[in-house]
Amino acid sequence: MRKTEKRKSSIDTYEEWLEHQYDPGYYLGGRIPSYLLGKRPNKWGYAPLTTGFLFSILFVVVFLVSRPTRFDLRLLIGCVAAGGFVALQLASGLILLRKPRERDRHKRPKA
């Protein structure tokens, strides 16, 4: 970077993304949208993790209270939808909280 060039702020990169978000192939050359450049572990990962645990507890309580005596298709569809929602919440929370991977782990050590 030259001394005369200014470093772009996050607002500038977001505005650039807004201008070019529908241009096909604009971000294929190594440009990454600013909202994907968050640091890891991201502390916002606790929010979906917490809601996933709360919904799973709520899901179990509702299922135990309803006590189905025979097969009900609506209950099955609700269980699959709720289970998918809980799995999505837990997975997104864990992904946000995990540490970044080392990029140079496959390089040979210099002698």
PDB file of N, CA and C in Angstrom:
ATOM      1  N   MET A   1       0.848  -1.171   0.000  1.00  0.00           N
ATOM      2  CA  MET A   1       0.000   0.000   0.000  1.00  0.00           C
ATOM      3  C   MET A   1       0.894   1.235   0.000  1.00  0.00           C
ATOM      4  N   ARG A   2       0.564   2.171  -0.814  1.00  0.00           N
ATOM      5  CA  ARG A   2       1.337   3.403  -0.890  1.00  0.00           C
ATOM      6  C   ARG A   2       1.006   4.304   0.279  1.00  0.00           C
ATOM      7  N   LYS A   3       1.907   5.236   0.542  1.00  0.00           N
ATOM      8  CA  LYS A   3       1.685   6.147   1.656  1.00  0.00           C
ATOM      9  C   LYS A   3       0.524   7.100   1.397  1.00  0.00           C
ATOM     10  N   THR A   4       0.280   7.418   0.119  1.00  0.00           N
ATOM     11  CA  THR A   4      -0.781   8.378  -0.196  1.00  0.00           C
ATOM     12  C   THR A   4      -2.168   7.748  -0.175  1.00  0.00           C
ATOM     13  N   GLU A   5      -2.233   6.410  -0.281  1.00  0.00           N
ATOM     14  CA  GLU A   5      -3.536   5.745  -0.265  1.00  0.00           C
ATOM     15  C   GLU A   5      -4.088   5.690   1.145  1.00  0.00           C
ATOM     16  N   LYS A   6      -5.368   5.899   1.235  1.00  0.00           N
ATOM     17  CA  LYS A   6      -6.033   5.776   2.533  1.00  0.00           C
ATOM     18  C   LYS A   6      -6.519   4.349   2.709  1.00  0.00           C
ATOM     19  N   ARG A   7      -6.469   3.887   3.922  1.00  0.00           N
ATOM     20  CA  ARG A   7      -7.014   2.569   4.224  1.00  0.00           C
ATOM     21  C   ARG A   7      -8.539   2.704   4.279  1.00  0.00           C
ATOM     22  N   LYS A   8      -9.243   1.759   3.672  1.00  0.00           N
ATOM     23  CA  LYS A   8     -10.701   1.836   3.638  1.00  0.00           C
ATOM     24  C   LYS A   8     -11.282   1.508   5.003  1.00  0.00           C
ATOM     25  N   SER A   9     -12.269   2.254   5.382  1.00  0.00           N
ATOM     26  CA  SER A   9     -12.959   1.950   6.630  1.00  0.00           C
ATOM     27  C   SER A   9     -14.009   0.872   6.358  1.00  0.00           C
ATOM     28  N   SER A  10     -14.595   0.378   7.403  1.00  0.00           N
ATOM     29  CA  SER A  10     -15.603  -0.665   7.222  1.00  0.00           C
ATOM     30  C   SER A  10     -16.843  -0.120   6.516  1.00  0.00           C
ATOM     31  N   ILE A  11     -17.125   1.159   6.709  1.00  0.00           N
ATOM     32  CA  ILE A  11     -18.268   1.773   6.011  1.00  0.00           C
ATOM     33  C   ILE A  11     -17.988   1.831   4.515  1.00  0.00           C
ATOM     34  N   ASP A  12     -16.740   2.175   4.145  1.00  0.00           N
ATOM     35  CA  ASP A  12     -16.396   2.235   2.726  1.00  0.00           C
ATOM     36  C   ASP A  12     -16.492   0.861   2.067  1.00  0.00           C
ATOM     37  N   THR A  13     -16.013  -0.177   2.754  1.00  0.00           N
ATOM     38  CA  THR A  13     -16.100  -1.509   2.169  1.00  0.00           C
ATOM     39  C   THR A  13     -17.544  -1.990   2.084  1.00  0.00           C
ATOM     40  N   TYR A  14     -18.361  -1.610   3.053  1.00  0.00           N
ATOM     41  CA  TYR A  14     -19.773  -1.988   3.002  1.00  0.00           C
ATOM     42  C   TYR A  14     -20.477  -1.267   1.850  1.00  0.00           C
ATOM     43  N   GLU A  15     -20.165   0.006   1.648  1.00  0.00           N
ATOM     44  CA  GLU A  15     -20.767   0.735   0.527  1.00  0.00           C
ATOM     45  C   GLU A  15     -20.320   0.144  -0.806  1.00  0.00           C
ATOM     46  N   GLU A  16     -19.050  -0.259  -0.894  1.00  0.00           N
ATOM     47  CA  GLU A  16     -18.569  -0.902  -2.112  1.00  0.00           C
ATOM     48  C   GLU A  16     -19.322  -2.207  -2.355  1.00  0.00           C
ATOM     49  N   TRP A  17     -19.543  -2.962  -1.283  1.00  0.00           N
ATOM     50  CA  TRP A  17     -20.288  -4.206  -1.423  1.00  0.00           C
ATOM     51  C   TRP A  17     -21.714  -3.932  -1.871  1.00  0.00           C
ATOM     52  N   LEU A  18     -22.342  -2.867  -1.320  1.00  0.00           N
ATOM     53  CA  LEU A  18     -23.708  -2.526  -1.728  1.00  0.00           C
ATOM     54  C   LEU A  18     -23.777  -2.174  -3.206  1.00  0.00           C
ATOM     55  N   GLU A  19     -22.753  -1.488  -3.707  1.00  0.00           N
ATOM     56  CA  GLU A  19     -22.750  -1.099  -5.115  1.00  0.00           C
ATOM     57  C   GLU A  19     -22.528  -2.292  -6.050  1.00  0.00           C
ATOM     58  N   HIS A  20     -21.793  -3.303  -5.587  1.00  0.00           N
ATOM     59  CA  HIS A  20     -21.405  -4.400  -6.475  1.00  0.00           C
ATOM     60  C   HIS A  20     -21.977  -5.750  -6.065  1.00  0.00           C
ATOM     61  N   GLN A  21     -22.979  -5.789  -5.201  1.00  0.00           N
ATOM     62  CA  GLN A  21     -23.458  -7.080  -4.722  1.00  0.00           C
ATOM     63  C   GLN A  21     -24.148  -7.898  -5.805  1.00  0.00           C
ATOM     64  N   TYR A  22     -24.643  -7.269  -6.848  1.00  0.00           N
ATOM     65  CA  TYR A  22     -25.320  -8.011  -7.911  1.00  0.00           C
ATOM     66  C   TYR A  22     -24.467  -8.161  -9.165  1.00  0.00           C
ATOM     67  N   ASP A  23     -23.209  -7.728  -9.122  1.00  0.00           N
ATOM     68  CA  ASP A  23     -22.308  -7.919 -10.254  1.00  0.00           C
ATOM     69  C   ASP A  23     -21.775  -9.342 -10.213  1.00  0.00           C
ATOM     70  N   PRO A  24     -22.051 -10.140 -11.239  1.00  0.00           N
ATOM     71  CA  PRO A  24     -21.595 -11.528 -11.186  1.00  0.00           C
ATOM     72  C   PRO A  24     -20.065 -11.610 -11.240  1.00  0.00           C
ATOM     73  N   GLY A  25     -19.496 -12.353 -10.319  1.00  0.00           N
ATOM     74  CA  GLY A  25     -18.061 -12.581 -10.307  1.00  0.00           C
ATOM     75  C   GLY A  25     -17.236 -11.481  -9.687  1.00  0.00           C
ATOM     76  N   TYR A  26     -17.852 -10.472  -9.101  1.00  0.00           N
ATOM     77  CA  TYR A  26     -17.077  -9.353  -8.551  1.00  0.00           C
ATOM     78  C   TYR A  26     -16.222  -9.790  -7.370  1.00  0.00           C
ATOM     79  N   TYR A  27     -16.726 -10.684  -6.539  1.00  0.00           N
ATOM     80  CA  TYR A  27     -15.974 -11.108  -5.359  1.00  0.00           C
ATOM     81  C   TYR A  27     -15.178 -12.388  -5.597  1.00  0.00           C
ATOM     82  N   LEU A  28     -15.082 -12.851  -6.836  1.00  0.00           N
ATOM     83  CA  LEU A  28     -14.349 -14.077  -7.104  1.00  0.00           C
ATOM     84  C   LEU A  28     -12.842 -13.863  -7.147  1.00  0.00           C
ATOM     85  N   GLY A  29     -12.401 -12.643  -7.285  1.00  0.00           N
ATOM     86  CA  GLY A  29     -10.973 -12.367  -7.389  1.00  0.00           C
ATOM     87  C   GLY A  29     -10.306 -12.106  -6.058  1.00  0.00           C
ATOM     88  N   GLY A  30     -10.817 -12.630  -4.979  1.00  0.00           N
ATOM     89  CA  GLY A  30     -10.189 -12.450  -3.677  1.00  0.00           C
ATOM     90  C   GLY A  30     -10.843 -11.379  -2.834  1.00  0.00           C
ATOM     91  N   ARG A  31     -11.814 -10.684  -3.362  1.00  0.00           N
ATOM     92  CA  ARG A  31     -12.526  -9.688  -2.574  1.00  0.00           C
ATOM     93  C   ARG A  31     -13.567 -10.403  -1.723  1.00  0.00           C
ATOM     94  N   ILE A  32     -13.592 -10.095  -0.456  1.00  0.00           N
ATOM     95  CA  ILE A  32     -14.519 -10.740   0.455  1.00  0.00           C
ATOM     96  C   ILE A  32     -15.411  -9.659   1.042  1.00  0.00           C
ATOM     97  N   PRO A  33     -16.725  -9.878   1.088  1.00  0.00           N
ATOM     98  CA  PRO A  33     -17.607  -8.884   1.692  1.00  0.00           C
ATOM     99  C   PRO A  33     -17.227  -8.624   3.151  1.00  0.00           C
ATOM    100  N   SER A  34     -17.417  -7.411   3.585  1.00  0.00           N
ATOM    101  CA  SER A  34     -16.941  -7.000   4.910  1.00  0.00           C
ATOM    102  C   SER A  34     -17.643  -7.734   6.048  1.00  0.00           C
ATOM    103  N   TYR A  35     -18.863  -8.165   5.843  1.00  0.00           N
ATOM    104  CA  TYR A  35     -19.573  -8.835   6.928  1.00  0.00           C
ATOM    105  C   TYR A  35     -19.058 -10.257   7.148  1.00  0.00           C
ATOM    106  N   LEU A  36     -18.264 -10.789   6.223  1.00  0.00           N
ATOM    107  CA  LEU A  36     -17.693 -12.115   6.394  1.00  0.00           C
ATOM    108  C   LEU A  36     -16.294 -12.085   7.006  1.00  0.00           C
ATOM    109  N   LEU A  37     -15.786 -10.909   7.283  1.00  0.00           N
ATOM    110  CA  LEU A  37     -14.428 -10.775   7.789  1.00  0.00           C
ATOM    111  C   LEU A  37     -14.374 -10.693   9.308  1.00  0.00           C
ATOM    112  N   GLY A  38     -15.371 -11.194  10.002  1.00  0.00           N
ATOM    113  CA  GLY A  38     -15.399 -11.123  11.459  1.00  0.00           C
ATOM    114  C   GLY A  38     -14.301 -11.951  12.099  1.00  0.00           C
ATOM    115  N   LYS A  39     -13.882 -11.566  13.281  1.00  0.00           N
ATOM    116  CA  LYS A  39     -12.846 -12.291  13.994  1.00  0.00           C
ATOM    117  C   LYS A  39     -13.435 -13.546  14.619  1.00  0.00           C
ATOM    118  N   ARG A  40     -12.593 -14.546  14.781  1.00  0.00           N
ATOM    119  CA  ARG A  40     -13.004 -15.773  15.442  1.00  0.00           C
ATOM    120  C   ARG A  40     -12.158 -15.968  16.675  1.00  0.00           C
ATOM    121  N   PRO A  41     -12.632 -16.464  17.739  1.00  0.00           N
ATOM    122  CA  PRO A  41     -14.027 -16.819  17.997  1.00  0.00           C
ATOM    123  C   PRO A  41     -14.890 -15.580  18.187  1.00  0.00           C
ATOM    124  N   ASN A  42     -16.048 -15.602  17.592  1.00  0.00           N
ATOM    125  CA  ASN A  42     -16.979 -14.491  17.643  1.00  0.00           C
ATOM    126  C   ASN A  42     -17.893 -14.666  18.855  1.00  0.00           C
ATOM    127  N   LYS A  43     -17.921 -13.679  19.717  1.00  0.00           N
ATOM    128  CA  LYS A  43     -18.696 -13.783  20.957  1.00  0.00           C
ATOM    129  C   LYS A  43     -20.203 -13.815  20.706  1.00  0.00           C
ATOM    130  N   TRP A  44     -20.650 -13.435  19.512  1.00  0.00           N
ATOM    131  CA  TRP A  44     -22.077 -13.504  19.201  1.00  0.00           C
ATOM    132  C   TRP A  44     -22.534 -14.937  18.999  1.00  0.00           C
ATOM    133  N   GLY A  45     -21.627 -15.887  19.024  1.00  0.00           N
ATOM    134  CA  GLY A  45     -21.996 -17.285  18.880  1.00  0.00           C
ATOM    135  C   GLY A  45     -22.748 -17.832  20.075  1.00  0.00           C
ATOM    136  N   TYR A  46     -22.640 -17.142  21.213  1.00  0.00           N
ATOM    137  CA  TYR A  46     -23.376 -17.591  22.398  1.00  0.00           C
ATOM    138  C   TYR A  46     -24.883 -17.396  22.242  1.00  0.00           C
ATOM    139  N   ALA A  47     -25.306 -16.428  21.443  1.00  0.00           N
ATOM    140  CA  ALA A  47     -26.746 -16.172  21.265  1.00  0.00           C
ATOM    141  C   ALA A  47     -27.456 -17.345  20.583  1.00  0.00           C
ATOM    142  N   PRO A  48     -27.017 -17.805  19.405  1.00  0.00           N
ATOM    143  CA  PRO A  48     -27.723 -18.953  18.817  1.00  0.00           C
ATOM    144  C   PRO A  48     -27.525 -20.242  19.612  1.00  0.00           C
ATOM    145  N   LEU A  49     -26.387 -20.363  20.288  1.00  0.00           N
ATOM    146  CA  LEU A  49     -26.162 -21.547  21.107  1.00  0.00           C
ATOM    147  C   LEU A  49     -27.148 -21.593  22.273  1.00  0.00           C
ATOM    148  N   THR A  50     -27.358 -20.450  22.917  1.00  0.00           N
ATOM    149  CA  THR A  50     -28.298 -20.370  24.035  1.00  0.00           C
ATOM    150  C   THR A  50     -29.727 -20.608  23.570  1.00  0.00           C
ATOM    151  N   THR A  51     -30.116 -19.964  22.468  1.00  0.00           N
ATOM    152  CA  THR A  51     -31.484 -20.166  21.977  1.00  0.00           C
ATOM    153  C   THR A  51     -31.690 -21.607  21.513  1.00  0.00           C
ATOM    154  N   GLY A  52     -30.657 -22.222  20.957  1.00  0.00           N
ATOM    155  CA  GLY A  52     -30.775 -23.626  20.561  1.00  0.00           C
ATOM    156  C   GLY A  52     -31.007 -24.528  21.756  1.00  0.00           C
ATOM    157  N   PHE A  53     -30.272 -24.292  22.861  1.00  0.00           N
ATOM    158  CA  PHE A  53     -30.488 -25.091  24.064  1.00  0.00           C
ATOM    159  C   PHE A  53     -31.870 -24.834  24.661  1.00  0.00           C
ATOM    160  N   LEU A  54     -32.299 -23.568  24.687  1.00  0.00           N
ATOM    161  CA  LEU A  54     -33.622 -23.265  25.247  1.00  0.00           C
ATOM    162  C   LEU A  54     -34.737 -23.896  24.425  1.00  0.00           C
ATOM    163  N   PHE A  55     -34.621 -23.820  23.101  1.00  0.00           N
ATOM    164  CA  PHE A  55     -35.649 -24.427  22.253  1.00  0.00           C
ATOM    165  C   PHE A  55     -35.630 -25.945  22.348  1.00  0.00           C
ATOM    166  N   SER A  56     -34.461 -26.536  22.542  1.00  0.00           N
ATOM    167  CA  SER A  56     -34.426 -27.992  22.684  1.00  0.00           C
ATOM    168  C   SER A  56     -35.096 -28.423  23.988  1.00  0.00           C
ATOM    169  N   ILE A  57     -34.888 -27.664  25.054  1.00  0.00           N
ATOM    170  CA  ILE A  57     -35.567 -27.966  26.324  1.00  0.00           C
ATOM    171  C   ILE A  57     -37.072 -27.787  26.164  1.00  0.00           C
ATOM    172  N   LEU A  58     -37.483 -26.691  25.525  1.00  0.00           N
ATOM    173  CA  LEU A  58     -38.901 -26.446  25.286  1.00  0.00           C
ATOM    174  C   LEU A  58     -39.500 -27.553  24.416  1.00  0.00           C
ATOM    175  N   PHE A  59     -38.771 -27.983  23.421  1.00  0.00           N
ATOM    176  CA  PHE A  59     -39.222 -29.044  22.525  1.00  0.00           C
ATOM    177  C   PHE A  59     -39.450 -30.349  23.294  1.00  0.00           C
ATOM    178  N   VAL A  60     -38.520 -30.704  24.165  1.00  0.00           N
ATOM    179  CA  VAL A  60     -38.644 -31.932  24.953  1.00  0.00           C
ATOM    180  C   VAL A  60     -39.827 -31.833  25.911  1.00  0.00           C
ATOM    181  N   VAL A  61     -40.003 -30.681  26.564  1.00  0.00           N
ATOM    182  CA  VAL A  61     -41.112 -30.507  27.507  1.00  0.00           C
ATOM    183  C   VAL A  61     -42.458 -30.612  26.794  1.00  0.00           C
ATOM    184  N   VAL A  62     -42.584 -29.961  25.645  1.00  0.00           N
ATOM    185  CA  VAL A  62     -43.845 -30.012  24.899  1.00  0.00           C
ATOM    186  C   VAL A  62     -44.116 -31.435  24.418  1.00  0.00           C
ATOM    187  N   PHE A  63     -43.077 -32.132  23.986  1.00  0.00           N
ATOM    188  CA  PHE A  63     -43.273 -33.500  23.521  1.00  0.00           C
ATOM    189  C   PHE A  63     -43.695 -34.417  24.668  1.00  0.00           C
ATOM    190  N   LEU A  64     -43.113 -34.226  25.855  1.00  0.00           N
ATOM    191  CA  LEU A  64     -43.480 -35.058  26.991  1.00  0.00           C
ATOM    192  C   LEU A  64     -44.883 -34.751  27.507  1.00  0.00           C
ATOM    193  N   VAL A  65     -45.289 -33.497  27.422  1.00  0.00           N
ATOM    194  CA  VAL A  65     -46.619 -33.123  27.890  1.00  0.00           C
ATOM    195  C   VAL A  65     -47.695 -33.629  26.929  1.00  0.00           C
ATOM    196  N   SER A  66     -47.413 -33.628  25.635  1.00  0.00           N
ATOM    197  CA  SER A  66     -48.441 -34.022  24.667  1.00  0.00           C
ATOM    198  C   SER A  66     -48.715 -35.523  24.719  1.00  0.00           C
ATOM    199  N   ARG A  67     -47.726 -36.337  25.058  1.00  0.00           N
ATOM    200  CA  ARG A  67     -47.859 -37.793  25.197  1.00  0.00           C
ATOM    201  C   ARG A  67     -48.713 -38.406  24.078  1.00  0.00           C
ATOM    202  N   PRO A  68     -48.124 -38.507  22.907  1.00  0.00           N
ATOM    203  CA  PRO A  68     -48.918 -39.073  21.800  1.00  0.00           C
ATOM    204  C   PRO A  68     -49.199 -40.562  22.028  1.00  0.00           C
ATOM    205  N   THR A  69     -50.452 -40.932  21.839  1.00  0.00           N
ATOM    206  CA  THR A  69     -50.842 -42.333  22.022  1.00  0.00           C
ATOM    207  C   THR A  69     -50.876 -43.087  20.698  1.00  0.00           C
ATOM    208  N   ARG A  70     -50.980 -42.380  19.596  1.00  0.00           N
ATOM    209  CA  ARG A  70     -50.959 -43.014  18.285  1.00  0.00           C
ATOM    210  C   ARG A  70     -50.190 -42.107  17.329  1.00  0.00           C
ATOM    211  N   PHE A  71     -49.909 -42.627  16.164  1.00  0.00           N
ATOM    212  CA  PHE A  71     -49.133 -41.889  15.169  1.00  0.00           C
ATOM    213  C   PHE A  71     -49.926 -40.679  14.676  1.00  0.00           C
ATOM    214  N   ASP A  72     -49.290 -39.531  14.700  1.00  0.00           N
ATOM    215  CA  ASP A  72     -49.921 -38.307  14.219  1.00  0.00           C
ATOM    216  C   ASP A  72     -48.937 -37.628  13.271  1.00  0.00           C
ATOM    217  N   LEU A  73     -49.346 -37.427  12.033  1.00  0.00           N
ATOM    218  CA  LEU A  73     -48.464 -36.849  11.022  1.00  0.00           C
ATOM    219  C   LEU A  73     -48.101 -35.407  11.361  1.00  0.00           C
ATOM    220  N   ARG A  74     -49.045 -34.658  11.913  1.00  0.00           N
ATOM    221  CA  ARG A  74     -48.750 -33.264  12.266  1.00  0.00           C
ATOM    222  C   ARG A  74     -47.696 -33.176  13.356  1.00  0.00           C
ATOM    223  N   LEU A  75     -47.749 -34.105  14.309  1.00  0.00           N
ATOM    224  CA  LEU A  75     -46.743 -34.124  15.365  1.00  0.00           C
ATOM    225  C   LEU A  75     -45.370 -34.491  14.801  1.00  0.00           C
ATOM    226  N   LEU A  76     -45.341 -35.421  13.859  1.00  0.00           N
ATOM    227  CA  LEU A  76     -44.090 -35.797  13.225  1.00  0.00           C
ATOM    228  C   LEU A  76     -43.481 -34.635  12.442  1.00  0.00           C
ATOM    229  N   ILE A  77     -44.285 -33.926  11.699  1.00  0.00           N
ATOM    230  CA  ILE A  77     -43.803 -32.768  10.936  1.00  0.00           C
ATOM    231  C   ILE A  77     -43.307 -31.683  11.878  1.00  0.00           C
ATOM    232  N   GLY A  78     -44.025 -31.444  12.958  1.00  0.00           N
ATOM    233  CA  GLY A  78     -43.581 -30.455  13.942  1.00  0.00           C
ATOM    234  C   GLY A  78     -42.277 -30.855  14.607  1.00  0.00           C
ATOM    235  N   CYS A  79     -42.107 -32.137  14.899  1.00  0.00           N
ATOM    236  CA  CYS A  79     -40.862 -32.618  15.515  1.00  0.00           C
ATOM    237  C   CYS A  79     -39.680 -32.452  14.573  1.00  0.00           C
ATOM    238  N   VAL A  80     -39.878 -32.780  13.303  1.00  0.00           N
ATOM    239  CA  VAL A  80     -38.794 -32.642  12.328  1.00  0.00           C
ATOM    240  C   VAL A  80     -38.429 -31.171  12.138  1.00  0.00           C
ATOM    241  N   ALA A  81     -39.434 -30.302  12.054  1.00  0.00           N
ATOM    242  CA  ALA A  81     -39.162 -28.873  11.879  1.00  0.00           C
ATOM    243  C   ALA A  81     -38.462 -28.291  13.109  1.00  0.00           C
ATOM    244  N   ALA A  82     -38.941 -28.631  14.293  1.00  0.00           N
ATOM    245  CA  ALA A  82     -38.314 -28.116  15.512  1.00  0.00           C
ATOM    246  C   ALA A  82     -36.912 -28.670  15.684  1.00  0.00           C
ATOM    247  N   GLY A  83     -36.721 -29.933  15.381  1.00  0.00           N
ATOM    248  CA  GLY A  83     -35.393 -30.527  15.472  1.00  0.00           C
ATOM    249  C   GLY A  83     -34.414 -29.894  14.491  1.00  0.00           C
ATOM    250  N   GLY A  84     -34.885 -29.601  13.291  1.00  0.00           N
ATOM    251  CA  GLY A  84     -34.031 -28.921  12.307  1.00  0.00           C
ATOM    252  C   GLY A  84     -33.658 -27.522  12.744  1.00  0.00           C
ATOM    253  N   PHE A  85     -34.618 -26.806  13.313  1.00  0.00           N
ATOM    254  CA  PHE A  85     -34.348 -25.456  13.808  1.00  0.00           C
ATOM    255  C   PHE A  85     -33.325 -25.485  14.936  1.00  0.00           C
ATOM    256  N   VAL A  86     -33.483 -26.414  15.865  1.00  0.00           N
ATOM    257  CA  VAL A  86     -32.547 -26.534  16.988  1.00  0.00           C
ATOM    258  C   VAL A  86     -31.156 -26.908  16.483  1.00  0.00           C
ATOM    259  N   ALA A  87     -31.088 -27.838  15.532  1.00  0.00           N
ATOM    260  CA  ALA A  87     -29.787 -28.242  14.991  1.00  0.00           C
ATOM    261  C   ALA A  87     -29.105 -27.087  14.271  1.00  0.00           C
ATOM    262  N   LEU A  88     -29.870 -26.290  13.542  1.00  0.00           N
ATOM    263  CA  LEU A  88     -29.312 -25.128  12.855  1.00  0.00           C
ATOM    264  C   LEU A  88     -28.787 -24.098  13.842  1.00  0.00           C
ATOM    265  N   GLN A  89     -29.536 -23.841  14.900  1.00  0.00           N
ATOM    266  CA  GLN A  89     -29.103 -22.886  15.930  1.00  0.00           C
ATOM    267  C   GLN A  89     -27.821 -23.358  16.603  1.00  0.00           C
ATOM    268  N   LEU A  90     -27.772 -24.620  16.993  1.00  0.00           N
ATOM    269  CA  LEU A  90     -26.588 -25.141  17.676  1.00  0.00           C
ATOM    270  C   LEU A  90     -25.370 -25.152  16.763  1.00  0.00           C
ATOM    271  N   ALA A  91     -25.559 -25.535  15.503  1.00  0.00           N
ATOM    272  CA  ALA A  91     -24.436 -25.575  14.568  1.00  0.00           C
ATOM    273  C   ALA A  91     -23.888 -24.181  14.290  1.00  0.00           C
ATOM    274  N   SER A  92     -24.769 -23.206  14.094  1.00  0.00           N
ATOM    275  CA  SER A  92     -24.285 -21.847  13.814  1.00  0.00           C
ATOM    276  C   SER A  92     -23.579 -21.252  15.028  1.00  0.00           C
ATOM    277  N   GLY A  93     -24.068 -21.542  16.222  1.00  0.00           N
ATOM    278  CA  GLY A  93     -23.386 -21.058  17.420  1.00  0.00           C
ATOM    279  C   GLY A  93     -22.015 -21.674  17.585  1.00  0.00           C
ATOM    280  N   LEU A  94     -21.899 -22.969  17.332  1.00  0.00           N
ATOM    281  CA  LEU A  94     -20.596 -23.629  17.450  1.00  0.00           C
ATOM    282  C   LEU A  94     -19.614 -23.148  16.389  1.00  0.00           C
ATOM    283  N   ILE A  95     -20.099 -22.880  15.196  1.00  0.00           N
ATOM    284  CA  ILE A  95     -19.218 -22.380  14.137  1.00  0.00           C
ATOM    285  C   ILE A  95     -18.696 -20.989  14.482  1.00  0.00           C
ATOM    286  N   LEU A  96     -19.554 -20.143  15.043  1.00  0.00           N
ATOM    287  CA  LEU A  96     -19.099 -18.803  15.413  1.00  0.00           C
ATOM    288  C   LEU A  96     -18.122 -18.825  16.582  1.00  0.00           C
ATOM    289  N   LEU A  97     -18.213 -19.814  17.437  1.00  0.00           N
ATOM    290  CA  LEU A  97     -17.354 -19.863  18.613  1.00  0.00           C
ATOM    291  C   LEU A  97     -16.051 -20.626  18.398  1.00  0.00           C
ATOM    292  N   ARG A  98     -15.932 -21.349  17.309  1.00  0.00           N
ATOM    293  CA  ARG A  98     -14.710 -22.123  17.134  1.00  0.00           C
ATOM    294  C   ARG A  98     -13.547 -21.205  16.756  1.00  0.00           C
ATOM    295  N   LYS A  99     -12.361 -21.679  17.060  1.00  0.00           N
ATOM    296  CA  LYS A  99     -11.167 -20.899  16.763  1.00  0.00           C
ATOM    297  C   LYS A  99     -10.820 -21.029  15.290  1.00  0.00           C
ATOM    298  N   PRO A 100     -10.142 -20.038  14.745  1.00  0.00           N
ATOM    299  CA  PRO A 100      -9.808 -20.112  13.316  1.00  0.00           C
ATOM    300  C   PRO A 100      -8.783 -21.208  13.049  1.00  0.00           C
ATOM    301  N   ARG A 101      -8.857 -21.747  11.853  1.00  0.00           N
ATOM    302  CA  ARG A 101      -7.897 -22.769  11.448  1.00  0.00           C
ATOM    303  C   ARG A 101      -6.584 -22.104  11.075  1.00  0.00           C
ATOM    304  N   GLU A 102      -5.500 -22.793  11.314  1.00  0.00           N
ATOM    305  CA  GLU A 102      -4.207 -22.286  10.902  1.00  0.00           C
ATOM    306  C   GLU A 102      -4.063 -22.537   9.408  1.00  0.00           C
ATOM    307  N   ARG A 103      -3.672 -21.531   8.688  1.00  0.00           N
ATOM    308  CA  ARG A 103      -3.577 -21.654   7.236  1.00  0.00           C
ATOM    309  C   ARG A 103      -2.245 -22.255   6.793  1.00  0.00           C
ATOM    310  N   ASP A 104      -1.233 -22.162   7.619  1.00  0.00           N
ATOM    311  CA  ASP A 104       0.097 -22.611   7.202  1.00  0.00           C
ATOM    312  C   ASP A 104       0.476 -23.945   7.806  1.00  0.00           C
ATOM    313  N   ARG A 105      -0.457 -24.758   8.169  1.00  0.00           N
ATOM    314  CA  ARG A 105      -0.113 -25.996   8.858  1.00  0.00           C
ATOM    315  C   ARG A 105       0.450 -27.064   7.922  1.00  0.00           C
ATOM    316  N   HIS A 106       0.252 -26.921   6.616  1.00  0.00           N
ATOM    317  CA  HIS A 106       0.750 -27.919   5.675  1.00  0.00           C
ATOM    318  C   HIS A 106       2.102 -27.522   5.073  1.00  0.00           C
ATOM    319  N   LYS A 107       2.604 -26.369   5.435  1.00  0.00           N
ATOM    320  CA  LYS A 107       3.900 -25.950   4.910  1.00  0.00           C
ATOM    321  C   LYS A 107       5.026 -26.667   5.640  1.00  0.00           C
ATOM    322  N   ARG A 108       6.083 -26.894   4.927  1.00  0.00           N
ATOM    323  CA  ARG A 108       7.239 -27.535   5.540  1.00  0.00           C
ATOM    324  C   ARG A 108       7.997 -26.522   6.394  1.00  0.00           C
ATOM    325  N   PRO A 109       8.550 -26.963   7.516  1.00  0.00           N
ATOM    326  CA  PRO A 109       9.340 -26.035   8.324  1.00  0.00           C
ATOM    327  C   PRO A 109      10.629 -25.669   7.600  1.00  0.00           C
ATOM    328  N   LYS A 110      11.022 -24.414   7.762  1.00  0.00           N
ATOM    329  CA  LYS A 110      12.256 -23.940   7.122  1.00  0.00           C
ATOM    330  C   LYS A 110      13.447 -24.450   7.897  1.00  0.00           C
ATOM    331  N   ALA A 111      14.456 -24.881   7.157  1.00  0.00           N
ATOM    332  CA  ALA A 111      15.655 -25.412   7.807  1.00  0.00           C
ATOM    333  C   ALA A 111      16.675 -24.339   8.079  1.00  0.00           C
TER     334      ALA A 111
END
